[in-house]
Amino acid sequence: MQKQPVLPRRPALVLLGLATVICALTAGCSRNRNPLDVLPNEDKARATLEKTLAAWKGGQPYGKITGESPAIEVVDNRWQAGNKLASFEILQTVEKPGTPGPRWFAVKLTLQDSAQPKEIHYAVMGLDPLWVMPEEDYEKTCGMGKGE
């Protein structure tokens, strides 16, 4: 009898968890639950984003931020591609019009191989785990991103 190869399940679990959070935020999966119940308050969201970006700048591998409770999961195409973060500055909270959704922050990022910083909006959502992702990854995850 041959053993079947074991496929990694982490990506599927990450996407399932993220889809659950997004569903609760955008569609109100439960009629009795306020979508804002699955969002950290603004201070917690800002602190989570700060820890996440500090971990990236400090050389931590892409993915789950280690040593945090509640857990912090990251979806970030720049970090995943191996880009190194030279510096960051959380500029301000950003209000997004429409239905309730993640907490948004404008962040000035400078990558090591880039002379110019970029302003990027980051979303923070969930309670446990907390999810952190830039706007373009959020839009791809929600099916709103531009086709490639």
N, C-alpha and C. Protein backbone atom coordinates (compact mmCIF):
# COMPACT_ATOMS: atom_id res chain seq x y z
N MET A 1 0.84 -1.18 0.00
CA MET A 1 0.00 0.00 0.00
C MET A 1 0.88 1.24 0.00
N GLN A 2 0.63 2.13 -0.97
CA GLN A 2 1.40 3.35 -1.06
C GLN A 2 0.77 4.44 -0.22
N LYS A 3 1.63 5.22 0.41
CA LYS A 3 1.14 6.36 1.17
C LYS A 3 0.79 7.49 0.22
N GLN A 4 -0.33 8.13 0.49
CA GLN A 4 -0.71 9.31 -0.28
C GLN A 4 0.10 10.49 0.22
N PRO A 5 0.56 11.35 -0.69
CA PRO A 5 1.29 12.54 -0.22
C PRO A 5 0.37 13.43 0.61
N VAL A 6 0.94 13.98 1.64
CA VAL A 6 0.18 14.89 2.50
C VAL A 6 0.39 16.30 1.97
N LEU A 7 -0.71 16.91 1.57
CA LEU A 7 -0.63 18.27 1.05
C LEU A 7 -0.72 19.26 2.20
N PRO A 8 -0.01 20.37 2.10
CA PRO A 8 -0.11 21.37 3.17
C PRO A 8 -1.52 21.92 3.24
N ARG A 9 -2.05 22.04 4.44
CA ARG A 9 -3.40 22.51 4.64
C ARG A 9 -3.44 23.97 5.09
N ARG A 10 -2.34 24.51 5.47
CA ARG A 10 -2.32 25.88 6.00
C ARG A 10 -2.95 26.89 5.06
N PRO A 11 -2.59 26.93 3.75
CA PRO A 11 -3.22 27.93 2.89
C PRO A 11 -4.74 27.82 2.87
N ALA A 12 -5.25 26.61 2.83
CA ALA A 12 -6.70 26.43 2.80
C ALA A 12 -7.33 26.91 4.10
N LEU A 13 -6.69 26.61 5.22
CA LEU A 13 -7.22 27.05 6.51
C LEU A 13 -7.17 28.56 6.65
N VAL A 14 -6.10 29.16 6.16
CA VAL A 14 -5.97 30.62 6.21
C VAL A 14 -7.08 31.26 5.39
N LEU A 15 -7.29 30.76 4.18
CA LEU A 15 -8.33 31.33 3.33
C LEU A 15 -9.72 31.10 3.90
N LEU A 16 -9.95 29.93 4.50
CA LEU A 16 -11.25 29.66 5.12
C LEU A 16 -11.50 30.61 6.28
N GLY A 17 -10.52 30.81 7.13
CA GLY A 17 -10.67 31.73 8.26
C GLY A 17 -10.88 33.15 7.79
N LEU A 18 -10.12 33.56 6.79
CA LEU A 18 -10.25 34.90 6.26
C LEU A 18 -11.61 35.11 5.60
N ALA A 19 -12.06 34.11 4.86
CA ALA A 19 -13.38 34.21 4.21
C ALA A 19 -14.48 34.34 5.26
N THR A 20 -14.35 33.64 6.37
CA THR A 20 -15.34 33.74 7.44
C THR A 20 -15.39 35.15 8.01
N VAL A 21 -14.23 35.74 8.26
CA VAL A 21 -14.17 37.10 8.79
C VAL A 21 -14.77 38.08 7.79
N ILE A 22 -14.37 37.97 6.53
CA ILE A 22 -14.88 38.89 5.52
C ILE A 22 -16.38 38.74 5.36
N CYS A 23 -16.87 37.50 5.39
CA CYS A 23 -18.31 37.26 5.28
C CYS A 23 -19.04 37.95 6.43
N ALA A 24 -18.53 37.81 7.61
CA ALA A 24 -19.18 38.42 8.77
C ALA A 24 -19.15 39.94 8.68
N LEU A 25 -18.08 40.49 8.12
CA LEU A 25 -17.95 41.94 8.02
C LEU A 25 -18.82 42.53 6.92
N THR A 26 -18.85 41.87 5.78
CA THR A 26 -19.51 42.48 4.63
C THR A 26 -20.95 42.04 4.44
N ALA A 27 -21.27 40.83 4.81
CA ALA A 27 -22.62 40.33 4.54
C ALA A 27 -23.45 40.14 5.79
N GLY A 28 -22.83 40.22 6.94
CA GLY A 28 -23.59 40.00 8.16
C GLY A 28 -24.13 38.58 8.23
N CYS A 29 -23.23 37.59 8.27
CA CYS A 29 -23.62 36.19 8.23
C CYS A 29 -24.70 35.85 9.24
N SER A 30 -24.70 36.47 10.36
CA SER A 30 -25.73 36.24 11.37
C SER A 30 -26.59 37.48 11.47
N ARG A 31 -27.89 37.28 11.39
CA ARG A 31 -28.79 38.43 11.46
C ARG A 31 -28.76 39.09 12.83
N ASN A 32 -28.35 38.36 13.85
CA ASN A 32 -28.34 38.90 15.21
C ASN A 32 -27.01 39.51 15.59
N ARG A 33 -26.01 39.40 14.74
CA ARG A 33 -24.67 39.88 15.10
C ARG A 33 -24.31 41.12 14.29
N ASN A 34 -23.83 42.10 14.98
CA ASN A 34 -23.37 43.32 14.34
C ASN A 34 -22.00 43.03 13.72
N PRO A 35 -21.77 43.36 12.43
CA PRO A 35 -20.47 43.12 11.81
C PRO A 35 -19.31 43.75 12.58
N LEU A 36 -19.57 44.84 13.29
CA LEU A 36 -18.50 45.49 14.04
C LEU A 36 -18.05 44.67 15.25
N ASP A 37 -18.83 43.63 15.62
CA ASP A 37 -18.45 42.76 16.73
C ASP A 37 -17.20 41.94 16.42
N VAL A 38 -16.83 41.82 15.15
CA VAL A 38 -15.65 41.03 14.80
C VAL A 38 -14.48 41.93 14.38
N LEU A 39 -14.51 43.16 14.88
CA LEU A 39 -13.41 44.09 14.64
C LEU A 39 -12.74 44.47 15.94
N PRO A 40 -11.42 44.56 15.92
CA PRO A 40 -10.75 45.10 17.11
C PRO A 40 -11.04 46.59 17.20
N ASN A 41 -10.96 47.15 18.40
CA ASN A 41 -11.13 48.60 18.49
C ASN A 41 -9.94 49.26 17.80
N GLU A 42 -10.04 50.56 17.58
CA GLU A 42 -9.01 51.25 16.81
C GLU A 42 -7.62 51.15 17.45
N ASP A 43 -7.53 51.26 18.76
CA ASP A 43 -6.23 51.18 19.44
C ASP A 43 -5.62 49.79 19.27
N LYS A 44 -6.43 48.75 19.44
CA LYS A 44 -5.96 47.37 19.28
C LYS A 44 -5.53 47.13 17.83
N ALA A 45 -6.32 47.64 16.87
CA ALA A 45 -5.98 47.47 15.46
C ALA A 45 -4.66 48.15 15.13
N ARG A 46 -4.47 49.37 15.62
CA ARG A 46 -3.21 50.10 15.38
C ARG A 46 -2.02 49.36 16.00
N ALA A 47 -2.19 48.88 17.22
CA ALA A 47 -1.11 48.14 17.88
C ALA A 47 -0.77 46.86 17.13
N THR A 48 -1.80 46.20 16.61
CA THR A 48 -1.60 44.97 15.84
C THR A 48 -0.83 45.27 14.56
N LEU A 49 -1.19 46.33 13.87
CA LEU A 49 -0.49 46.73 12.65
C LEU A 49 0.96 47.08 12.97
N GLU A 50 1.18 47.80 14.06
CA GLU A 50 2.54 48.17 14.49
C GLU A 50 3.39 46.91 14.74
N LYS A 51 2.84 45.94 15.47
CA LYS A 51 3.57 44.68 15.74
C LYS A 51 3.88 43.93 14.46
N THR A 52 2.92 43.93 13.55
CA THR A 52 3.10 43.22 12.28
C THR A 52 4.22 43.84 11.46
N LEU A 53 4.19 45.14 11.29
CA LEU A 53 5.20 45.81 10.48
C LEU A 53 6.58 45.76 11.15
N ALA A 54 6.60 45.84 12.47
CA ALA A 54 7.88 45.71 13.20
C ALA A 54 8.47 44.31 13.02
N ALA A 55 7.61 43.30 12.99
CA ALA A 55 8.08 41.93 12.77
C ALA A 55 8.69 41.79 11.37
N TRP A 56 8.02 42.37 10.37
CA TRP A 56 8.54 42.33 9.00
C TRP A 56 9.88 43.05 8.94
N LYS A 57 9.94 44.26 9.49
CA LYS A 57 11.18 45.03 9.47
C LYS A 57 12.29 44.28 10.22
N GLY A 58 11.92 43.57 11.28
CA GLY A 58 12.90 42.83 12.08
C GLY A 58 13.35 41.51 11.46
N GLY A 59 12.82 41.17 10.29
CA GLY A 59 13.27 39.96 9.59
C GLY A 59 12.48 38.70 9.90
N GLN A 60 11.36 38.82 10.60
CA GLN A 60 10.56 37.63 10.87
C GLN A 60 10.02 37.07 9.56
N PRO A 61 9.97 35.76 9.41
CA PRO A 61 9.43 35.16 8.18
C PRO A 61 7.96 35.53 7.99
N TYR A 62 7.55 35.55 6.73
CA TYR A 62 6.17 35.84 6.35
C TYR A 62 5.20 34.82 6.95
N GLY A 63 4.03 35.28 7.32
CA GLY A 63 2.98 34.39 7.80
C GLY A 63 2.46 34.83 9.15
N LYS A 64 2.29 33.88 10.02
CA LYS A 64 1.79 34.17 11.36
C LYS A 64 2.88 34.87 12.18
N ILE A 65 2.47 35.92 12.90
CA ILE A 65 3.42 36.63 13.77
C ILE A 65 3.55 35.81 15.05
N THR A 66 4.77 35.40 15.33
CA THR A 66 4.99 34.50 16.46
C THR A 66 4.93 35.25 17.79
N GLY A 67 4.51 34.53 18.82
CA GLY A 67 4.53 35.05 20.17
C GLY A 67 3.43 36.03 20.51
N GLU A 68 2.38 36.10 19.71
CA GLU A 68 1.30 37.06 19.97
C GLU A 68 0.03 36.33 20.39
N SER A 69 -0.68 36.94 21.31
CA SER A 69 -1.98 36.44 21.72
C SER A 69 -2.91 37.63 21.89
N PRO A 70 -3.99 37.71 21.11
CA PRO A 70 -4.42 36.73 20.13
C PRO A 70 -3.47 36.66 18.95
N ALA A 71 -3.59 35.58 18.20
CA ALA A 71 -2.72 35.34 17.05
C ALA A 71 -2.91 36.44 16.01
N ILE A 72 -1.83 36.72 15.27
CA ILE A 72 -1.87 37.68 14.17
C ILE A 72 -1.48 36.93 12.90
N GLU A 73 -2.37 36.95 11.91
CA GLU A 73 -2.11 36.34 10.59
C GLU A 73 -1.92 37.47 9.59
N VAL A 74 -0.97 37.28 8.68
CA VAL A 74 -0.64 38.31 7.69
C VAL A 74 -0.87 37.77 6.28
N VAL A 75 -1.46 38.60 5.44
CA VAL A 75 -1.55 38.35 4.01
C VAL A 75 -0.95 39.59 3.36
N ASP A 76 0.25 39.46 2.79
CA ASP A 76 0.92 40.62 2.20
C ASP A 76 1.83 40.14 1.08
N ASN A 77 1.47 40.48 -0.17
CA ASN A 77 2.23 39.98 -1.32
C ASN A 77 3.66 40.48 -1.36
N ARG A 78 3.92 41.67 -0.85
CA ARG A 78 5.30 42.19 -0.85
C ARG A 78 6.18 41.38 0.10
N TRP A 79 5.68 41.16 1.30
CA TRP A 79 6.43 40.40 2.30
C TRP A 79 6.61 38.97 1.83
N GLN A 80 5.54 38.38 1.30
CA GLN A 80 5.61 36.99 0.84
C GLN A 80 6.61 36.83 -0.29
N ALA A 81 6.74 37.85 -1.15
CA ALA A 81 7.67 37.80 -2.28
C ALA A 81 9.13 37.97 -1.84
N GLY A 82 9.36 38.23 -0.55
CA GLY A 82 10.72 38.36 -0.05
C GLY A 82 11.24 39.77 0.04
N ASN A 83 10.40 40.76 -0.22
CA ASN A 83 10.84 42.15 -0.06
C ASN A 83 11.19 42.42 1.41
N LYS A 84 12.20 43.21 1.62
CA LYS A 84 12.63 43.58 2.96
C LYS A 84 12.11 44.98 3.28
N LEU A 85 11.58 45.14 4.47
CA LEU A 85 11.05 46.43 4.90
C LEU A 85 12.16 47.23 5.59
N ALA A 86 12.47 48.39 5.04
CA ALA A 86 13.50 49.26 5.63
C ALA A 86 12.91 50.13 6.72
N SER A 87 11.71 50.69 6.47
CA SER A 87 11.08 51.55 7.48
C SER A 87 9.59 51.65 7.21
N PHE A 88 8.86 52.08 8.24
CA PHE A 88 7.42 52.29 8.10
C PHE A 88 6.99 53.37 9.06
N GLU A 89 5.89 54.00 8.71
CA GLU A 89 5.26 54.98 9.58
C GLU A 89 3.75 54.87 9.40
N ILE A 90 3.04 54.61 10.49
CA ILE A 90 1.59 54.58 10.44
C ILE A 90 1.14 56.03 10.49
N LEU A 91 0.52 56.49 9.41
CA LEU A 91 0.20 57.91 9.27
C LEU A 91 -1.11 58.28 9.94
N GLN A 92 -2.17 57.53 9.65
CA GLN A 92 -3.48 57.90 10.18
C GLN A 92 -4.49 56.79 9.94
N THR A 93 -5.61 56.90 10.64
CA THR A 93 -6.75 56.04 10.39
C THR A 93 -7.41 56.52 9.11
N VAL A 94 -7.93 55.59 8.31
CA VAL A 94 -8.59 55.93 7.05
C VAL A 94 -10.03 55.42 7.12
N GLU A 95 -10.96 56.29 6.80
CA GLU A 95 -12.36 55.90 6.75
C GLU A 95 -12.69 55.45 5.33
N LYS A 96 -13.26 54.26 5.20
CA LYS A 96 -13.70 53.76 3.90
C LYS A 96 -15.22 53.83 3.86
N PRO A 97 -15.78 54.44 2.84
CA PRO A 97 -17.25 54.54 2.76
C PRO A 97 -17.89 53.19 2.46
N GLY A 98 -19.17 53.09 2.77
CA GLY A 98 -19.90 51.86 2.46
C GLY A 98 -20.21 51.07 3.71
N THR A 99 -20.31 49.76 3.54
CA THR A 99 -20.68 48.87 4.64
C THR A 99 -19.56 48.79 5.66
N PRO A 100 -19.90 48.39 6.88
CA PRO A 100 -18.84 48.23 7.90
C PRO A 100 -17.81 47.21 7.42
N GLY A 101 -16.59 47.48 7.72
CA GLY A 101 -15.53 46.58 7.30
C GLY A 101 -14.34 46.72 8.22
N PRO A 102 -13.18 46.35 7.72
CA PRO A 102 -11.97 46.37 8.54
C PRO A 102 -11.63 47.77 9.02
N ARG A 103 -10.74 47.84 10.00
CA ARG A 103 -10.12 49.11 10.39
C ARG A 103 -9.03 49.36 9.36
N TRP A 104 -8.99 50.56 8.81
CA TRP A 104 -8.02 50.90 7.78
C TRP A 104 -7.04 51.95 8.29
N PHE A 105 -5.78 51.80 7.86
CA PHE A 105 -4.73 52.75 8.23
C PHE A 105 -3.88 53.06 7.00
N ALA A 106 -3.51 54.33 6.86
CA ALA A 106 -2.55 54.74 5.84
C ALA A 106 -1.16 54.55 6.44
N VAL A 107 -0.29 53.87 5.69
CA VAL A 107 1.06 53.57 6.16
C VAL A 107 2.06 53.97 5.09
N LYS A 108 3.13 54.64 5.50
CA LYS A 108 4.23 54.94 4.59
C LYS A 108 5.26 53.83 4.75
N LEU A 109 5.45 53.05 3.67
CA LEU A 109 6.41 51.94 3.67
C LEU A 109 7.60 52.29 2.79
N THR A 110 8.78 51.95 3.26
CA THR A 110 9.98 52.04 2.43
C THR A 110 10.61 50.66 2.40
N LEU A 111 10.67 50.08 1.20
CA LEU A 111 11.31 48.79 1.02
C LEU A 111 12.80 49.00 0.79
N GLN A 112 13.63 48.03 1.14
CA GLN A 112 15.08 48.19 1.03
C GLN A 112 15.54 48.47 -0.39
N ASP A 113 14.89 47.89 -1.38
CA ASP A 113 15.32 48.07 -2.77
C ASP A 113 14.61 49.23 -3.47
N SER A 114 13.94 50.08 -2.70
CA SER A 114 13.19 51.19 -3.29
C SER A 114 13.67 52.50 -2.68
N ALA A 115 13.92 53.46 -3.56
CA ALA A 115 14.37 54.77 -3.07
C ALA A 115 13.23 55.59 -2.50
N GLN A 116 12.03 55.39 -3.03
CA GLN A 116 10.88 56.19 -2.63
C GLN A 116 9.92 55.40 -1.74
N PRO A 117 9.46 56.01 -0.65
CA PRO A 117 8.43 55.35 0.15
C PRO A 117 7.10 55.34 -0.61
N LYS A 118 6.24 54.40 -0.25
CA LYS A 118 4.90 54.31 -0.85
C LYS A 118 3.88 54.41 0.27
N GLU A 119 2.78 55.10 -0.02
CA GLU A 119 1.68 55.12 0.95
C GLU A 119 0.72 53.99 0.59
N ILE A 120 0.48 53.12 1.54
CA ILE A 120 -0.35 51.94 1.33
C ILE A 120 -1.39 51.89 2.44
N HIS A 121 -2.61 51.52 2.10
CA HIS A 121 -3.66 51.33 3.10
C HIS A 121 -3.65 49.88 3.56
N TYR A 122 -3.64 49.70 4.88
CA TYR A 122 -3.67 48.37 5.48
C TYR A 122 -4.98 48.18 6.22
N ALA A 123 -5.52 46.98 6.11
CA ALA A 123 -6.74 46.58 6.81
C ALA A 123 -6.35 45.72 8.01
N VAL A 124 -7.07 45.91 9.12
CA VAL A 124 -6.92 45.05 10.30
C VAL A 124 -8.33 44.63 10.68
N MET A 125 -8.53 43.31 10.84
CA MET A 125 -9.86 42.79 11.17
C MET A 125 -9.74 41.50 11.95
N GLY A 126 -10.88 41.04 12.45
CA GLY A 126 -10.93 39.80 13.22
C GLY A 126 -10.68 40.06 14.69
N LEU A 127 -10.82 39.00 15.46
CA LEU A 127 -10.56 39.08 16.89
C LEU A 127 -9.51 38.07 17.32
N ASP A 128 -9.65 36.83 16.89
CA ASP A 128 -8.67 35.79 17.20
C ASP A 128 -8.82 34.67 16.19
N PRO A 129 -8.01 34.72 15.13
CA PRO A 129 -6.86 35.58 14.96
C PRO A 129 -7.26 36.97 14.45
N LEU A 130 -6.31 37.88 14.59
CA LEU A 130 -6.39 39.19 13.96
C LEU A 130 -5.74 39.05 12.58
N TRP A 131 -6.30 39.70 11.58
CA TRP A 131 -5.78 39.63 10.22
C TRP A 131 -5.27 41.00 9.81
N VAL A 132 -4.11 41.03 9.15
CA VAL A 132 -3.52 42.27 8.66
C VAL A 132 -3.18 42.06 7.19
N MET A 133 -3.63 43.03 6.34
CA MET A 133 -3.30 42.93 4.92
C MET A 133 -3.42 44.28 4.23
N PRO A 134 -2.60 44.50 3.20
CA PRO A 134 -2.73 45.73 2.42
C PRO A 134 -3.99 45.66 1.56
N GLU A 135 -4.43 46.83 1.13
CA GLU A 135 -5.69 46.95 0.40
C GLU A 135 -5.75 46.05 -0.84
N GLU A 136 -4.67 45.98 -1.61
CA GLU A 136 -4.71 45.17 -2.84
C GLU A 136 -4.91 43.69 -2.53
N ASP A 137 -4.32 43.20 -1.46
CA ASP A 137 -4.53 41.80 -1.08
C ASP A 137 -5.94 41.59 -0.53
N TYR A 138 -6.45 42.56 0.20
CA TYR A 138 -7.82 42.49 0.70
C TYR A 138 -8.80 42.40 -0.48
N GLU A 139 -8.59 43.24 -1.49
CA GLU A 139 -9.48 43.25 -2.65
C GLU A 139 -9.40 41.94 -3.42
N LYS A 140 -8.20 41.37 -3.57
CA LYS A 140 -8.06 40.08 -4.25
C LYS A 140 -8.79 38.99 -3.47
N THR A 141 -8.64 39.01 -2.15
CA THR A 141 -9.27 38.00 -1.32
C THR A 141 -10.78 38.09 -1.41
N CYS A 142 -11.29 39.29 -1.53
CA CYS A 142 -12.74 39.51 -1.61
C CYS A 142 -13.28 39.37 -3.03
N GLY A 143 -12.39 39.15 -4.00
CA GLY A 143 -12.83 39.04 -5.39
C GLY A 143 -13.08 40.38 -6.04
N MET A 144 -12.56 41.45 -5.45
CA MET A 144 -12.77 42.78 -6.01
C MET A 144 -11.55 43.28 -6.76
N GLY A 145 -10.46 42.53 -6.72
CA GLY A 145 -9.22 42.99 -7.33
C GLY A 145 -9.28 42.96 -8.84
N LYS A 146 -8.37 43.67 -9.46
CA LYS A 146 -8.28 43.71 -10.92
C LYS A 146 -7.71 42.39 -11.42
N GLY A 147 -8.18 41.95 -12.54
CA GLY A 147 -7.66 40.71 -13.15
C GLY A 147 -6.21 40.85 -13.50
N GLU A 148 -5.51 39.76 -13.43
CA GLU A 148 -4.07 39.80 -13.73
C GLU A 148 -3.79 39.31 -15.12
